[in-house]
Amino acid sequence: MVRTVRFLGWERFCLVGHSMGGALARLYANLFPDQVKKVVMIDSLAPTCRPPSMVLKTFRTTMLESMRIEDKDPLSQPSYTEEQLVQLYTKTSSWGYLPDDAKTMLKRGSVSVGDGRFVLTKDPRLRAVSWIKVDRAEVLEYVKAYKNDLLVLNALPGIGFCSVWHQKVLDVCQENCRKFEYLQLEGNHHIHMNQADLVARHVGRFLEDMQ
């Protein structure tokens, strides 16, 4: 993200992100608060917590998985029909891709190789992304760092949250952000795709408000 911002020559801007993208937007805003005016997080709120005793094990697992992926031949990836890819997304995801959601994802995440078959173009290393997972006290300090405007759109049931912990994070956002809005919208984790008009209405209003 830092390289992208430098390339585009942006100085002050807003960030909108879904799930991992929301977490990255929040992280960037924490690191460069002078650049980011507003952040919108869609079904995303705070980094994942882990007990300190689990940090090394998680990091080791992630590192080994990254190396396993790097050792694979990038030219030997399998090809699928569109129907197979839709089934792959809808049956293997724990966050409930609807068939139309999957087709939307495939428009940007696959490329045709002929004969009605496609290969996935997403970076396989994303499967082994390692967040430095810390305990809850440290997460709250991290959340406090962002002081500008924040909109959180939480899908219900979405990906699901621990309600008590969720409320603690929301309270910290309310106390520390210049402007904070939290909205619950009925839908699954991919609400930005299957209820795009609803999400766009809330996001547009928030970004256009210059107060």
N, C-alpha and C. Protein backbone atom coordinates (compact mmCIF):
# COMPACT_ATOMS: atom_id res chain seq x y z
N MET A 1 0.83 -1.20 0.00
CA MET A 1 0.00 0.00 0.00
C MET A 1 0.86 1.25 0.00
N VAL A 2 1.96 1.22 0.75
CA VAL A 2 2.85 2.38 0.79
C VAL A 2 3.41 2.65 -0.61
N ARG A 3 3.84 1.61 -1.29
CA ARG A 3 4.37 1.79 -2.65
C ARG A 3 3.30 2.32 -3.60
N THR A 4 2.08 1.82 -3.46
CA THR A 4 0.99 2.27 -4.33
C THR A 4 0.70 3.75 -4.13
N VAL A 5 0.63 4.18 -2.87
CA VAL A 5 0.37 5.58 -2.57
C VAL A 5 1.48 6.47 -3.13
N ARG A 6 2.72 6.03 -2.99
CA ARG A 6 3.84 6.80 -3.54
C ARG A 6 3.73 6.91 -5.05
N PHE A 7 3.41 5.79 -5.70
CA PHE A 7 3.31 5.78 -7.16
C PHE A 7 2.22 6.73 -7.64
N LEU A 8 1.07 6.73 -6.95
CA LEU A 8 -0.06 7.57 -7.35
C LEU A 8 0.14 9.03 -6.96
N GLY A 9 1.06 9.29 -6.06
CA GLY A 9 1.31 10.66 -5.64
C GLY A 9 0.23 11.22 -4.73
N TRP A 10 -0.49 10.36 -4.04
CA TRP A 10 -1.55 10.81 -3.13
C TRP A 10 -0.95 11.42 -1.87
N GLU A 11 -1.61 12.46 -1.37
CA GLU A 11 -1.17 13.10 -0.13
C GLU A 11 -2.20 12.95 0.98
N ARG A 12 -3.49 13.16 0.66
CA ARG A 12 -4.58 13.00 1.63
C ARG A 12 -5.70 12.23 0.96
N PHE A 13 -6.19 11.19 1.61
CA PHE A 13 -7.17 10.34 0.95
C PHE A 13 -7.96 9.55 1.99
N CYS A 14 -8.97 8.82 1.50
CA CYS A 14 -9.80 7.95 2.33
C CYS A 14 -9.55 6.50 1.91
N LEU A 15 -9.74 5.59 2.84
CA LEU A 15 -9.55 4.17 2.56
C LEU A 15 -10.83 3.40 2.87
N VAL A 16 -11.21 2.52 1.96
CA VAL A 16 -12.37 1.64 2.15
C VAL A 16 -11.89 0.21 1.97
N GLY A 17 -12.19 -0.65 2.94
CA GLY A 17 -11.73 -2.03 2.83
C GLY A 17 -12.72 -3.01 3.43
N HIS A 18 -12.73 -4.21 2.87
CA HIS A 18 -13.60 -5.29 3.35
C HIS A 18 -12.75 -6.39 3.96
N SER A 19 -13.13 -6.86 5.13
CA SER A 19 -12.47 -7.99 5.77
C SER A 19 -10.98 -7.70 5.95
N MET A 20 -10.10 -8.49 5.33
CA MET A 20 -8.67 -8.24 5.44
C MET A 20 -8.31 -6.86 4.91
N GLY A 21 -9.03 -6.42 3.86
CA GLY A 21 -8.78 -5.09 3.31
C GLY A 21 -9.10 -4.00 4.32
N GLY A 22 -10.15 -4.21 5.13
CA GLY A 22 -10.47 -3.26 6.18
C GLY A 22 -9.39 -3.20 7.23
N ALA A 23 -8.86 -4.37 7.60
CA ALA A 23 -7.78 -4.42 8.58
C ALA A 23 -6.53 -3.72 8.05
N LEU A 24 -6.23 -3.90 6.77
CA LEU A 24 -5.07 -3.23 6.17
C LEU A 24 -5.27 -1.72 6.12
N ALA A 25 -6.51 -1.30 5.80
CA ALA A 25 -6.80 0.14 5.78
C ALA A 25 -6.58 0.75 7.15
N ARG A 26 -7.06 0.07 8.19
CA ARG A 26 -6.88 0.56 9.55
C ARG A 26 -5.41 0.60 9.93
N LEU A 27 -4.65 -0.43 9.57
CA LEU A 27 -3.23 -0.47 9.87
C LEU A 27 -2.49 0.68 9.19
N TYR A 28 -2.80 0.90 7.90
CA TYR A 28 -2.14 2.00 7.18
C TYR A 28 -2.47 3.33 7.84
N ALA A 29 -3.73 3.52 8.21
CA ALA A 29 -4.15 4.77 8.84
C ALA A 29 -3.47 4.97 10.19
N ASN A 30 -3.23 3.88 10.92
CA ASN A 30 -2.51 3.99 12.18
C ASN A 30 -1.07 4.42 11.96
N LEU A 31 -0.46 3.90 10.89
CA LEU A 31 0.94 4.20 10.62
C LEU A 31 1.14 5.58 10.02
N PHE A 32 0.17 6.03 9.21
CA PHE A 32 0.29 7.31 8.50
C PHE A 32 -0.97 8.15 8.71
N PRO A 33 -1.26 8.56 9.94
CA PRO A 33 -2.51 9.27 10.23
C PRO A 33 -2.62 10.63 9.55
N ASP A 34 -1.48 11.22 9.17
CA ASP A 34 -1.52 12.52 8.50
C ASP A 34 -2.01 12.39 7.06
N GLN A 35 -2.01 11.19 6.51
CA GLN A 35 -2.43 10.98 5.12
C GLN A 35 -3.90 10.57 5.00
N VAL A 36 -4.42 9.84 5.98
CA VAL A 36 -5.73 9.21 5.85
C VAL A 36 -6.80 10.03 6.58
N LYS A 37 -7.76 10.57 5.81
CA LYS A 37 -8.83 11.38 6.40
C LYS A 37 -9.92 10.52 7.00
N LYS A 38 -10.29 9.45 6.28
CA LYS A 38 -11.41 8.61 6.72
C LYS A 38 -11.11 7.15 6.38
N VAL A 39 -11.64 6.27 7.21
CA VAL A 39 -11.53 4.83 6.97
C VAL A 39 -12.92 4.21 7.05
N VAL A 40 -13.22 3.33 6.09
CA VAL A 40 -14.46 2.54 6.12
C VAL A 40 -14.06 1.07 6.20
N MET A 41 -14.57 0.38 7.21
CA MET A 41 -14.29 -1.05 7.39
C MET A 41 -15.59 -1.82 7.23
N ILE A 42 -15.62 -2.74 6.27
CA ILE A 42 -16.82 -3.53 6.00
C ILE A 42 -16.63 -4.94 6.54
N ASP A 43 -17.46 -5.29 7.52
CA ASP A 43 -17.35 -6.57 8.24
C ASP A 43 -15.91 -6.85 8.66
N SER A 44 -15.36 -5.86 9.33
CA SER A 44 -13.99 -5.92 9.82
C SER A 44 -13.90 -4.91 10.95
N LEU A 45 -13.15 -5.23 12.00
CA LEU A 45 -13.09 -4.30 13.12
C LEU A 45 -11.72 -4.21 13.75
N ALA A 46 -11.15 -5.34 14.18
CA ALA A 46 -9.89 -5.31 14.92
C ALA A 46 -9.05 -6.52 14.54
N PRO A 47 -7.74 -6.45 14.78
CA PRO A 47 -6.89 -7.61 14.50
C PRO A 47 -7.31 -8.84 15.31
N THR A 48 -6.98 -10.00 14.76
CA THR A 48 -7.27 -11.24 15.47
C THR A 48 -6.39 -11.35 16.71
N CYS A 49 -6.97 -11.79 17.79
CA CYS A 49 -6.22 -11.94 19.05
C CYS A 49 -5.70 -13.36 19.20
N ARG A 50 -4.55 -13.49 19.81
CA ARG A 50 -3.99 -14.78 20.18
C ARG A 50 -3.33 -14.65 21.55
N PRO A 51 -3.40 -15.67 22.38
CA PRO A 51 -2.63 -15.65 23.63
C PRO A 51 -1.15 -15.57 23.30
N PRO A 52 -0.34 -14.91 24.11
CA PRO A 52 1.10 -14.82 23.84
C PRO A 52 1.75 -16.19 23.63
N SER A 53 1.23 -17.21 24.29
CA SER A 53 1.81 -18.55 24.17
C SER A 53 1.64 -19.14 22.77
N MET A 54 0.74 -18.57 21.96
CA MET A 54 0.45 -19.11 20.63
C MET A 54 1.19 -18.38 19.52
N VAL A 55 1.85 -17.25 19.82
CA VAL A 55 2.42 -16.41 18.78
C VAL A 55 3.49 -17.15 17.98
N LEU A 56 4.44 -17.78 18.66
CA LEU A 56 5.52 -18.47 17.95
C LEU A 56 5.00 -19.62 17.10
N LYS A 57 4.07 -20.39 17.64
CA LYS A 57 3.52 -21.51 16.89
C LYS A 57 2.82 -21.02 15.62
N THR A 58 2.03 -19.94 15.76
CA THR A 58 1.32 -19.39 14.60
C THR A 58 2.30 -18.88 13.55
N PHE A 59 3.34 -18.20 14.01
CA PHE A 59 4.32 -17.64 13.08
C PHE A 59 5.07 -18.76 12.35
N ARG A 60 5.43 -19.81 13.08
CA ARG A 60 6.12 -20.96 12.46
C ARG A 60 5.24 -21.62 11.40
N THR A 61 3.98 -21.85 11.74
CA THR A 61 3.05 -22.48 10.80
C THR A 61 2.92 -21.66 9.53
N THR A 62 2.80 -20.35 9.70
CA THR A 62 2.66 -19.45 8.55
C THR A 62 3.91 -19.46 7.69
N MET A 63 5.08 -19.43 8.32
CA MET A 63 6.33 -19.43 7.57
C MET A 63 6.49 -20.71 6.75
N LEU A 64 6.19 -21.85 7.34
CA LEU A 64 6.31 -23.12 6.62
C LEU A 64 5.32 -23.20 5.46
N GLU A 65 4.11 -22.69 5.67
CA GLU A 65 3.12 -22.68 4.60
C GLU A 65 3.56 -21.77 3.46
N SER A 66 4.17 -20.63 3.79
CA SER A 66 4.67 -19.71 2.76
C SER A 66 5.75 -20.39 1.91
N MET A 67 6.64 -21.11 2.57
CA MET A 67 7.71 -21.80 1.85
C MET A 67 7.14 -22.92 0.97
N ARG A 68 6.13 -23.61 1.47
CA ARG A 68 5.51 -24.68 0.68
C ARG A 68 4.90 -24.11 -0.60
N ILE A 69 4.24 -22.96 -0.48
CA ILE A 69 3.62 -22.32 -1.64
C ILE A 69 4.68 -21.84 -2.62
N GLU A 70 5.77 -21.27 -2.11
CA GLU A 70 6.84 -20.78 -2.99
C GLU A 70 7.49 -21.92 -3.77
N ASP A 71 7.52 -23.12 -3.20
CA ASP A 71 8.16 -24.25 -3.87
C ASP A 71 7.30 -24.83 -5.00
N LYS A 72 6.03 -24.45 -5.06
CA LYS A 72 5.16 -24.98 -6.10
C LYS A 72 5.44 -24.30 -7.44
N ASP A 73 5.31 -25.03 -8.51
CA ASP A 73 5.50 -24.49 -9.85
C ASP A 73 4.30 -23.62 -10.21
N PRO A 74 4.50 -22.30 -10.42
CA PRO A 74 3.36 -21.42 -10.72
C PRO A 74 2.68 -21.75 -12.04
N LEU A 75 3.36 -22.48 -12.92
CA LEU A 75 2.78 -22.82 -14.23
C LEU A 75 1.98 -24.12 -14.19
N SER A 76 1.98 -24.79 -13.04
CA SER A 76 1.30 -26.08 -12.97
C SER A 76 -0.04 -26.00 -12.26
N GLN A 77 -0.55 -24.79 -12.09
CA GLN A 77 -1.81 -24.66 -11.36
C GLN A 77 -2.96 -25.27 -12.16
N PRO A 78 -3.94 -25.83 -11.48
CA PRO A 78 -5.06 -26.50 -12.16
C PRO A 78 -6.00 -25.51 -12.84
N SER A 79 -6.72 -25.99 -13.83
CA SER A 79 -7.74 -25.19 -14.49
C SER A 79 -9.11 -25.77 -14.16
N TYR A 80 -10.13 -24.91 -14.24
CA TYR A 80 -11.49 -25.30 -13.86
C TYR A 80 -12.49 -24.73 -14.86
N THR A 81 -13.65 -25.37 -14.93
CA THR A 81 -14.77 -24.75 -15.62
C THR A 81 -15.38 -23.70 -14.69
N GLU A 82 -16.20 -22.82 -15.24
CA GLU A 82 -16.84 -21.80 -14.40
C GLU A 82 -17.69 -22.45 -13.31
N GLU A 83 -18.41 -23.50 -13.67
CA GLU A 83 -19.25 -24.18 -12.69
C GLU A 83 -18.41 -24.77 -11.56
N GLN A 84 -17.26 -25.35 -11.90
CA GLN A 84 -16.40 -25.92 -10.87
C GLN A 84 -15.87 -24.84 -9.93
N LEU A 85 -15.52 -23.68 -10.48
CA LEU A 85 -15.02 -22.60 -9.65
C LEU A 85 -16.10 -22.06 -8.72
N VAL A 86 -17.30 -21.92 -9.23
CA VAL A 86 -18.40 -21.45 -8.39
C VAL A 86 -18.62 -22.43 -7.23
N GLN A 87 -18.59 -23.72 -7.53
CA GLN A 87 -18.75 -24.73 -6.49
C GLN A 87 -17.60 -24.68 -5.50
N LEU A 88 -16.39 -24.43 -6.01
CA LEU A 88 -15.22 -24.34 -5.14
C LEU A 88 -15.37 -23.21 -4.13
N TYR A 89 -15.82 -22.06 -4.59
CA TYR A 89 -16.01 -20.91 -3.71
C TYR A 89 -17.15 -21.13 -2.72
N THR A 90 -18.26 -21.65 -3.21
CA THR A 90 -19.45 -21.74 -2.35
C THR A 90 -19.35 -22.88 -1.34
N LYS A 91 -18.61 -23.94 -1.67
CA LYS A 91 -18.57 -25.09 -0.77
C LYS A 91 -17.39 -25.08 0.19
N THR A 92 -16.30 -24.41 -0.18
CA THR A 92 -15.11 -24.44 0.68
C THR A 92 -15.00 -23.23 1.58
N SER A 93 -15.71 -22.16 1.28
CA SER A 93 -15.62 -20.96 2.12
C SER A 93 -16.51 -21.10 3.34
N SER A 94 -15.95 -20.77 4.50
CA SER A 94 -16.74 -20.82 5.74
C SER A 94 -17.56 -19.55 5.92
N TRP A 95 -17.41 -18.58 5.01
CA TRP A 95 -18.07 -17.29 5.17
C TRP A 95 -19.21 -17.09 4.18
N GLY A 96 -19.63 -18.15 3.53
CA GLY A 96 -20.89 -18.11 2.81
C GLY A 96 -20.91 -17.33 1.51
N TYR A 97 -20.06 -17.71 0.54
CA TYR A 97 -20.21 -17.15 -0.80
C TYR A 97 -21.52 -17.65 -1.41
N LEU A 98 -22.36 -16.75 -1.87
CA LEU A 98 -23.50 -17.13 -2.69
C LEU A 98 -23.00 -17.32 -4.12
N PRO A 99 -23.70 -18.10 -4.95
CA PRO A 99 -23.24 -18.32 -6.32
C PRO A 99 -22.95 -17.03 -7.08
N ASP A 100 -23.82 -16.03 -6.95
CA ASP A 100 -23.59 -14.76 -7.64
C ASP A 100 -22.37 -14.04 -7.09
N ASP A 101 -22.12 -14.17 -5.76
CA ASP A 101 -20.90 -13.58 -5.18
C ASP A 101 -19.67 -14.21 -5.82
N ALA A 102 -19.70 -15.53 -5.93
CA ALA A 102 -18.56 -16.24 -6.50
C ALA A 102 -18.30 -15.80 -7.93
N LYS A 103 -19.36 -15.63 -8.72
CA LYS A 103 -19.19 -15.19 -10.11
C LYS A 103 -18.59 -13.79 -10.17
N THR A 104 -18.99 -12.93 -9.24
CA THR A 104 -18.41 -11.59 -9.18
C THR A 104 -16.92 -11.67 -8.87
N MET A 105 -16.54 -12.50 -7.90
CA MET A 105 -15.14 -12.66 -7.55
C MET A 105 -14.32 -13.19 -8.73
N LEU A 106 -14.91 -14.09 -9.49
CA LEU A 106 -14.17 -14.72 -10.58
C LEU A 106 -13.88 -13.76 -11.73
N LYS A 107 -14.66 -12.68 -11.85
CA LYS A 107 -14.41 -11.70 -12.90
C LYS A 107 -13.05 -11.05 -12.73
N ARG A 108 -12.62 -10.90 -11.49
CA ARG A 108 -11.32 -10.28 -11.24
C ARG A 108 -10.27 -11.27 -10.76
N GLY A 109 -10.72 -12.48 -10.41
CA GLY A 109 -9.80 -13.44 -9.81
C GLY A 109 -9.48 -14.64 -10.65
N SER A 110 -9.85 -14.61 -11.93
CA SER A 110 -9.53 -15.74 -12.80
C SER A 110 -9.31 -15.24 -14.22
N VAL A 111 -8.68 -16.07 -15.03
CA VAL A 111 -8.45 -15.72 -16.43
C VAL A 111 -8.71 -16.96 -17.28
N SER A 112 -9.29 -16.73 -18.44
CA SER A 112 -9.61 -17.84 -19.34
C SER A 112 -8.34 -18.39 -19.99
N VAL A 113 -8.27 -19.73 -20.07
CA VAL A 113 -7.15 -20.37 -20.76
C VAL A 113 -7.65 -21.17 -21.97
N GLY A 114 -8.89 -20.88 -22.38
CA GLY A 114 -9.46 -21.55 -23.54
C GLY A 114 -10.25 -22.79 -23.19
N ASP A 115 -11.06 -23.22 -24.12
CA ASP A 115 -11.88 -24.43 -23.96
C ASP A 115 -12.81 -24.34 -22.75
N GLY A 116 -13.25 -23.12 -22.43
CA GLY A 116 -14.18 -22.94 -21.34
C GLY A 116 -13.59 -23.18 -19.96
N ARG A 117 -12.27 -23.09 -19.86
CA ARG A 117 -11.62 -23.33 -18.57
C ARG A 117 -10.88 -22.09 -18.10
N PHE A 118 -10.69 -22.00 -16.78
CA PHE A 118 -10.11 -20.82 -16.17
C PHE A 118 -9.08 -21.23 -15.11
N VAL A 119 -8.11 -20.34 -14.88
CA VAL A 119 -7.18 -20.53 -13.76
C VAL A 119 -7.32 -19.32 -12.84
N LEU A 120 -7.09 -19.56 -11.56
CA LEU A 120 -7.17 -18.48 -10.57
C LEU A 120 -5.93 -17.60 -10.66
N THR A 121 -6.12 -16.30 -10.51
CA THR A 121 -5.00 -15.36 -10.62
C THR A 121 -4.61 -14.73 -9.29
N LYS A 122 -5.33 -15.03 -8.23
CA LYS A 122 -4.96 -14.44 -6.94
C LYS A 122 -3.62 -14.99 -6.48
N ASP A 123 -2.91 -14.20 -5.71
CA ASP A 123 -1.60 -14.58 -5.20
C ASP A 123 -1.78 -15.69 -4.16
N PRO A 124 -1.28 -16.89 -4.40
CA PRO A 124 -1.48 -17.99 -3.44
C PRO A 124 -0.83 -17.73 -2.09
N ARG A 125 0.13 -16.80 -2.05
CA ARG A 125 0.79 -16.50 -0.77
C ARG A 125 -0.16 -15.87 0.24
N LEU A 126 -1.30 -15.34 -0.25
CA LEU A 126 -2.28 -14.78 0.68
C LEU A 126 -2.85 -15.83 1.62
N ARG A 127 -2.77 -17.09 1.22
CA ARG A 127 -3.25 -18.16 2.11
C ARG A 127 -2.40 -18.24 3.37
N ALA A 128 -1.18 -17.74 3.29
CA ALA A 128 -0.26 -17.86 4.41
C ALA A 128 0.10 -16.50 5.01
N VAL A 129 -0.80 -15.54 4.85
CA VAL A 129 -0.55 -14.23 5.44
C VAL A 129 -0.46 -14.36 6.95
N SER A 130 0.55 -13.75 7.52
CA SER A 130 0.71 -13.79 8.98
C SER A 130 0.50 -12.42 9.56
N TRP A 131 -0.61 -12.26 10.29
CA TRP A 131 -0.74 -11.08 11.12
C TRP A 131 0.02 -11.36 12.40
N ILE A 132 0.70 -10.35 12.93
CA ILE A 132 1.35 -10.53 14.21
C ILE A 132 0.25 -10.48 15.26
N LYS A 133 -0.25 -11.62 15.61
CA LYS A 133 -1.41 -11.71 16.49
C LYS A 133 -0.98 -11.53 17.93
N VAL A 134 -1.59 -10.59 18.61
CA VAL A 134 -1.21 -10.26 19.98
C VAL A 134 -2.41 -10.43 20.89
N ASP A 135 -2.19 -10.17 22.18
CA ASP A 135 -3.31 -10.36 23.10
C ASP A 135 -4.24 -9.15 23.08
N ARG A 136 -5.33 -9.24 23.79
CA ARG A 136 -6.39 -8.24 23.67
C ARG A 136 -5.99 -6.88 24.21
N ALA A 137 -5.19 -6.83 25.25
CA ALA A 137 -4.76 -5.54 25.79
C ALA A 137 -3.97 -4.76 24.75
N GLU A 138 -3.11 -5.45 24.03
CA GLU A 138 -2.30 -4.79 23.00
C GLU A 138 -3.17 -4.37 21.81
N VAL A 139 -4.18 -5.16 21.50
CA VAL A 139 -5.09 -4.79 20.42
C VAL A 139 -5.82 -3.50 20.75
N LEU A 140 -6.26 -3.34 21.98
CA LEU A 140 -6.96 -2.11 22.38
C LEU A 140 -6.05 -0.89 22.24
N GLU A 141 -4.77 -1.04 22.57
CA GLU A 141 -3.83 0.07 22.38
C GLU A 141 -3.67 0.39 20.90
N TYR A 142 -3.66 -0.65 20.09
CA TYR A 142 -3.57 -0.47 18.63
C TYR A 142 -4.78 0.29 18.11
N VAL A 143 -5.97 -0.07 18.58
CA VAL A 143 -7.21 0.57 18.13
C VAL A 143 -7.23 2.04 18.53
N LYS A 144 -6.68 2.36 19.69
CA LYS A 144 -6.66 3.75 20.16
C LYS A 144 -5.87 4.67 19.25
N ALA A 145 -4.95 4.12 18.49
CA ALA A 145 -4.03 4.95 17.71
C ALA A 145 -4.71 5.73 16.59
N TYR A 146 -5.85 5.23 16.10
CA TYR A 146 -6.51 5.93 14.99
C TYR A 146 -7.45 6.99 15.55
N LYS A 147 -7.25 8.24 15.12
CA LYS A 147 -7.99 9.37 15.69
C LYS A 147 -8.94 10.04 14.70
N ASN A 148 -8.86 9.72 13.44
CA ASN A 148 -9.68 10.41 12.44
C ASN A 148 -11.04 9.73 12.29
N ASP A 149 -11.75 9.96 11.19
CA ASP A 149 -13.12 9.48 11.01
C ASP A 149 -13.14 7.99 10.65
N LEU A 150 -14.09 7.26 11.25
CA LEU A 150 -14.18 5.82 11.03
C LEU A 150 -15.64 5.39 10.91
N LEU A 151 -15.93 4.63 9.86
CA LEU A 151 -17.24 3.99 9.69
C LEU A 151 -17.04 2.49 9.68
N VAL A 152 -17.75 1.78 10.54
CA VAL A 152 -17.73 0.32 10.58
C VAL A 152 -19.10 -0.19 10.18
N LEU A 153 -19.16 -0.96 9.10
CA LEU A 153 -20.40 -1.62 8.68
C LEU A 153 -20.28 -3.09 9.03
N ASN A 154 -21.05 -3.52 10.00
CA ASN A 154 -20.98 -4.89 10.49
C ASN A 154 -22.14 -5.70 9.92
N ALA A 155 -21.82 -6.75 9.16
CA ALA A 155 -22.85 -7.62 8.60
C ALA A 155 -23.31 -8.62 9.66
N LEU A 156 -24.62 -8.88 9.67
CA LEU A 156 -25.19 -9.87 10.59
C LEU A 156 -25.89 -10.97 9.78
N PRO A 157 -25.45 -12.23 9.85
CA PRO A 157 -24.49 -12.75 10.82
C PRO A 157 -23.03 -12.51 10.45
N GLY A 158 -22.74 -12.15 9.20
CA GLY A 158 -21.36 -11.85 8.82
C GLY A 158 -20.42 -12.99 9.18
N ILE A 159 -19.23 -12.62 9.68
CA ILE A 159 -18.27 -13.65 10.09
C ILE A 159 -18.41 -14.00 11.56
N GLY A 160 -19.23 -13.22 12.28
CA GLY A 160 -19.45 -13.53 13.68
C GLY A 160 -18.37 -12.92 14.57
N PHE A 161 -18.77 -12.41 15.72
CA PHE A 161 -17.84 -11.81 16.66
C PHE A 161 -18.21 -12.22 18.08
N CYS A 162 -17.24 -12.18 18.97
CA CYS A 162 -17.52 -12.29 20.40
C CYS A 162 -18.13 -10.97 20.84
N SER A 163 -19.38 -10.98 21.26
CA SER A 163 -20.11 -9.74 21.50
C SER A 163 -19.47 -8.86 22.57
N VAL A 164 -18.96 -9.46 23.65
CA VAL A 164 -18.36 -8.67 24.74
C VAL A 164 -17.09 -7.99 24.25
N TRP A 165 -16.21 -8.75 23.60
CA TRP A 165 -14.97 -8.18 23.07
C TRP A 165 -15.28 -7.16 21.97
N HIS A 166 -16.21 -7.47 21.13
CA HIS A 166 -16.63 -6.56 20.06
C HIS A 166 -17.03 -5.21 20.64
N GLN A 167 -17.80 -5.22 21.71
CA GLN A 167 -18.27 -3.98 22.32
C GLN A 167 -17.11 -3.19 22.92
N LYS A 168 -16.14 -3.87 23.49
CA LYS A 168 -14.97 -3.17 24.05
C LYS A 168 -14.22 -2.42 22.96
N VAL A 169 -14.06 -3.07 21.80
CA VAL A 169 -13.37 -2.41 20.69
C VAL A 169 -14.18 -1.21 20.20
N LEU A 170 -15.49 -1.38 20.09
CA LEU A 170 -16.35 -0.28 19.65
C LEU A 170 -16.26 0.90 20.62
N ASP A 171 -16.23 0.62 21.91
CA ASP A 171 -16.13 1.69 22.91
C ASP A 171 -14.83 2.48 22.75
N VAL A 172 -13.74 1.77 22.47
CA VAL A 172 -12.46 2.45 22.27
C VAL A 172 -12.50 3.31 21.01
N CYS A 173 -13.13 2.81 19.95
CA CYS A 173 -13.28 3.60 18.72
C CYS A 173 -14.08 4.86 19.00
N GLN A 174 -15.17 4.72 19.73
CA GLN A 174 -16.03 5.85 20.05
C GLN A 174 -15.28 6.91 20.83
N GLU A 175 -14.43 6.49 21.75
CA GLU A 175 -13.70 7.41 22.61
C GLU A 175 -12.56 8.12 21.90
N ASN A 176 -12.00 7.51 20.87
CA ASN A 176 -10.76 8.03 20.29
C ASN A 176 -10.89 8.60 18.88
N CYS A 177 -11.92 8.22 18.13
CA CYS A 177 -12.07 8.74 16.77
C CYS A 177 -12.72 10.12 16.79
N ARG A 178 -12.29 10.97 15.87
CA ARG A 178 -12.90 12.30 15.75
C ARG A 178 -14.38 12.16 15.44
N LYS A 179 -14.70 11.23 14.54
CA LYS A 179 -16.09 10.90 14.22
C LYS A 179 -16.17 9.39 14.04
N PHE A 180 -17.13 8.76 14.71
CA PHE A 180 -17.24 7.30 14.62
C PHE A 180 -18.69 6.91 14.39
N GLU A 181 -18.90 6.05 13.39
CA GLU A 181 -20.22 5.51 13.11
C GLU A 181 -20.13 3.99 13.04
N TYR A 182 -21.13 3.34 13.63
CA TYR A 182 -21.20 1.88 13.60
C TYR A 182 -22.61 1.48 13.21
N LEU A 183 -22.70 0.70 12.12
CA LEU A 183 -24.01 0.27 11.63
C LEU A 183 -24.02 -1.24 11.45
N GLN A 184 -25.13 -1.86 11.85
CA GLN A 184 -25.33 -3.28 11.62
C GLN A 184 -26.29 -3.47 10.45
N LEU A 185 -25.85 -4.25 9.47
CA LEU A 185 -26.65 -4.50 8.27
C LEU A 185 -26.87 -6.00 8.14
N GLU A 186 -28.10 -6.39 7.86
CA GLU A 186 -28.40 -7.81 7.75
C GLU A 186 -27.81 -8.37 6.46
N GLY A 187 -27.01 -9.40 6.60
CA GLY A 187 -26.40 -10.01 5.42
C GLY A 187 -25.22 -10.88 5.80
N ASN A 188 -24.63 -11.56 4.80
CA ASN A 188 -23.47 -12.39 5.09
C ASN A 188 -22.19 -11.58 4.95
N HIS A 189 -21.06 -12.26 5.07
CA HIS A 189 -19.76 -11.58 5.08
C HIS A 189 -19.51 -10.79 3.80
N HIS A 190 -20.14 -11.19 2.72
CA HIS A 190 -19.91 -10.54 1.42
C HIS A 190 -21.04 -9.58 1.07
N ILE A 191 -21.52 -8.88 2.06
CA ILE A 191 -22.65 -7.97 1.89
C ILE A 191 -22.35 -6.87 0.88
N HIS A 192 -21.07 -6.51 0.72
CA HIS A 192 -20.70 -5.46 -0.23
C HIS A 192 -20.93 -5.90 -1.68
N MET A 193 -21.07 -7.21 -1.90
CA MET A 193 -21.36 -7.71 -3.24
C MET A 193 -22.84 -8.00 -3.43
N ASN A 194 -23.46 -8.67 -2.47
CA ASN A 194 -24.85 -9.07 -2.69
C ASN A 194 -25.86 -8.03 -2.23
N GLN A 195 -25.40 -6.98 -1.53
CA GLN A 195 -26.25 -5.82 -1.23
C GLN A 195 -25.46 -4.54 -1.49
N ALA A 196 -24.91 -4.47 -2.69
CA ALA A 196 -23.98 -3.39 -3.03
C ALA A 196 -24.63 -2.01 -2.90
N ASP A 197 -25.88 -1.86 -3.33
CA ASP A 197 -26.54 -0.55 -3.27
C ASP A 197 -26.68 -0.07 -1.83
N LEU A 198 -27.04 -0.96 -0.93
CA LEU A 198 -27.19 -0.60 0.48
C LEU A 198 -25.86 -0.15 1.08
N VAL A 199 -24.82 -0.93 0.83
CA VAL A 199 -23.50 -0.59 1.36
C VAL A 199 -23.00 0.71 0.75
N ALA A 200 -23.17 0.86 -0.56
CA ALA A 200 -22.70 2.07 -1.25
C ALA A 200 -23.39 3.32 -0.72
N ARG A 201 -24.66 3.21 -0.38
CA ARG A 201 -25.39 4.36 0.15
C ARG A 201 -24.77 4.86 1.46
N HIS A 202 -24.47 3.94 2.35
CA HIS A 202 -23.88 4.33 3.64
C HIS A 202 -22.44 4.83 3.46
N VAL A 203 -21.68 4.15 2.62
CA VAL A 203 -20.29 4.56 2.41
C VAL A 203 -20.24 5.92 1.73
N GLY A 204 -21.06 6.12 0.70
CA GLY A 204 -21.07 7.40 -0.01
C GLY A 204 -21.43 8.55 0.89
N ARG A 205 -22.45 8.38 1.71
CA ARG A 205 -22.86 9.44 2.64
C ARG A 205 -21.73 9.79 3.60
N PHE A 206 -21.06 8.78 4.12
CA PHE A 206 -19.98 9.00 5.09
C PHE A 206 -18.80 9.73 4.45
N LEU A 207 -18.43 9.32 3.25
CA LEU A 207 -17.28 9.94 2.59
C LEU A 207 -17.58 11.36 2.12
N GLU A 208 -18.83 11.63 1.77
CA GLU A 208 -19.19 12.96 1.27
C GLU A 208 -19.37 13.98 2.38
N ASP A 209 -19.55 13.52 3.61
CA ASP A 209 -19.72 14.42 4.74
C ASP A 209 -18.37 15.04 5.08
N MET A 210 -18.23 16.32 4.83
CA MET A 210 -16.94 17.00 5.02
C MET A 210 -16.81 17.69 6.37
N GLN A 211 -17.74 17.47 7.27
CA GLN A 211 -17.65 18.11 8.58
C GLN A 211 -16.49 17.53 9.38
